[in-house]
Protein backbone atom coordinates (compact mmCIF):
# COMPACT_ATOMS: atom_id res chain seq x y z
CA MET A 1 68.03 47.28 93.86
CA LYS A 2 70.71 47.12 91.20
CA LYS A 3 69.17 50.07 89.45
CA VAL A 4 69.20 52.14 92.67
CA GLU A 5 72.87 51.31 93.29
CA HIS A 6 73.71 52.19 89.69
CA ILE A 7 71.99 55.60 90.01
CA LYS A 8 73.68 56.23 93.37
CA GLN A 9 77.15 55.47 91.97
CA LYS A 10 76.51 57.67 88.94
CA ARG A 11 75.48 60.61 91.16
CA GLN A 12 78.52 60.13 93.38
CA ALA A 13 80.84 60.08 90.37
CA THR A 14 79.25 63.26 89.00
CA TYR A 15 79.59 64.98 92.38
CA ILE A 16 83.27 64.05 92.66
CA MET A 17 84.01 65.26 89.14
CA GLN A 18 82.32 68.60 89.84
CA ARG A 19 84.37 69.03 93.01
CA LEU A 20 87.59 68.25 91.16
CA ARG A 21 86.70 70.72 88.41
CA LYS A 22 86.05 73.46 90.99
CA GLY A 23 89.36 72.66 92.70
CA ARG A 24 91.22 73.11 89.42
CA GLU A 25 89.53 76.49 88.84
CA LEU A 26 90.49 77.67 92.33
CA GLU A 27 94.05 76.46 91.80
CA THR A 28 94.43 78.40 88.55
CA GLU A 29 93.05 81.55 90.22
CA ARG A 30 95.59 81.18 93.03
CA ASP A 31 98.37 80.65 90.50
CA VAL A 32 97.44 83.78 88.56
CA LYS A 33 97.38 85.87 91.74
CA GLU A 34 100.76 84.49 92.78
CA VAL A 35 102.31 85.32 89.41
CA GLN A 36 100.94 88.85 89.50
CA ARG A 37 102.22 89.33 93.04
CA ASP A 38 105.72 87.99 92.29
CA LEU A 39 106.11 89.37 88.78
CA SER A 40 109.29 91.19 89.77
CA LEU A 41 110.94 87.83 90.42
CA ILE A 42 109.95 86.52 87.02
CA ARG A 43 110.75 89.55 84.84
CA SER A 44 114.25 90.02 83.53
CA PRO A 45 116.18 92.96 85.02
CA ALA A 46 117.17 93.96 81.48
CA VAL A 47 113.55 94.82 80.70
CA GLY A 48 113.50 97.35 83.52
CA LEU A 49 116.70 98.95 82.28
CA ARG A 50 115.29 99.25 78.78
CA GLU A 51 112.12 100.91 80.09
CA ARG A 52 114.13 103.38 82.18
CA LYS A 53 116.29 104.33 79.18
CA GLN A 54 113.18 104.95 77.09
CA GLU A 55 111.69 107.14 79.82
CA GLU A 56 114.92 109.11 80.13
CA THR A 57 115.09 109.76 76.38
CA VAL A 58 111.48 110.90 76.35
CA THR A 59 112.08 113.32 79.23
CA GLU A 60 115.25 114.62 77.56
CA ASP A 61 113.33 115.22 74.32
CA ILE A 62 110.65 117.10 76.21
CA GLN A 63 113.23 119.24 78.01
CA GLU A 64 114.98 120.04 74.72
CA SER A 65 111.73 121.06 73.08
CA ASP A 66 110.87 123.22 76.09
CA GLN A 67 114.26 124.96 75.83
CA GLU A 68 113.71 125.56 72.12
CA MET A 69 110.29 127.04 72.81
CA GLU A 70 111.79 129.35 75.45
CA GLY A 71 114.40 130.45 72.92
CA ILE A 72 111.71 131.28 70.39
CA ILE A 73 109.79 133.34 72.91
CA GLU A 74 112.93 135.24 73.94
CA ASP A 75 113.77 136.03 70.29
CA GLY A 76 110.46 137.82 69.93
CA GLY A 77 108.66 135.03 68.13
CA GLU A 78 111.13 134.71 65.29
CA VAL A 79 111.89 131.16 64.32
CA THR A 80 115.53 130.51 63.58
CA LEU A 81 116.71 127.13 62.43
């Protein structure tokens, strides 16, 4: 009978450990989803400003190059620097 009790306790301990392991996995998944959902609260506002400035400079560069290309076309294809 001791052997049966020993096996029973071992199985119960294994079952509990597996349940705890699964609970930890579910908790980490929930945490990751929460962080992704609330990323705006975590990120620094300065990062957003930096990204906007970079986008503005890129659009300004594109607009300048477009204006230069229009000037070249109007001059009859002659490139003047």
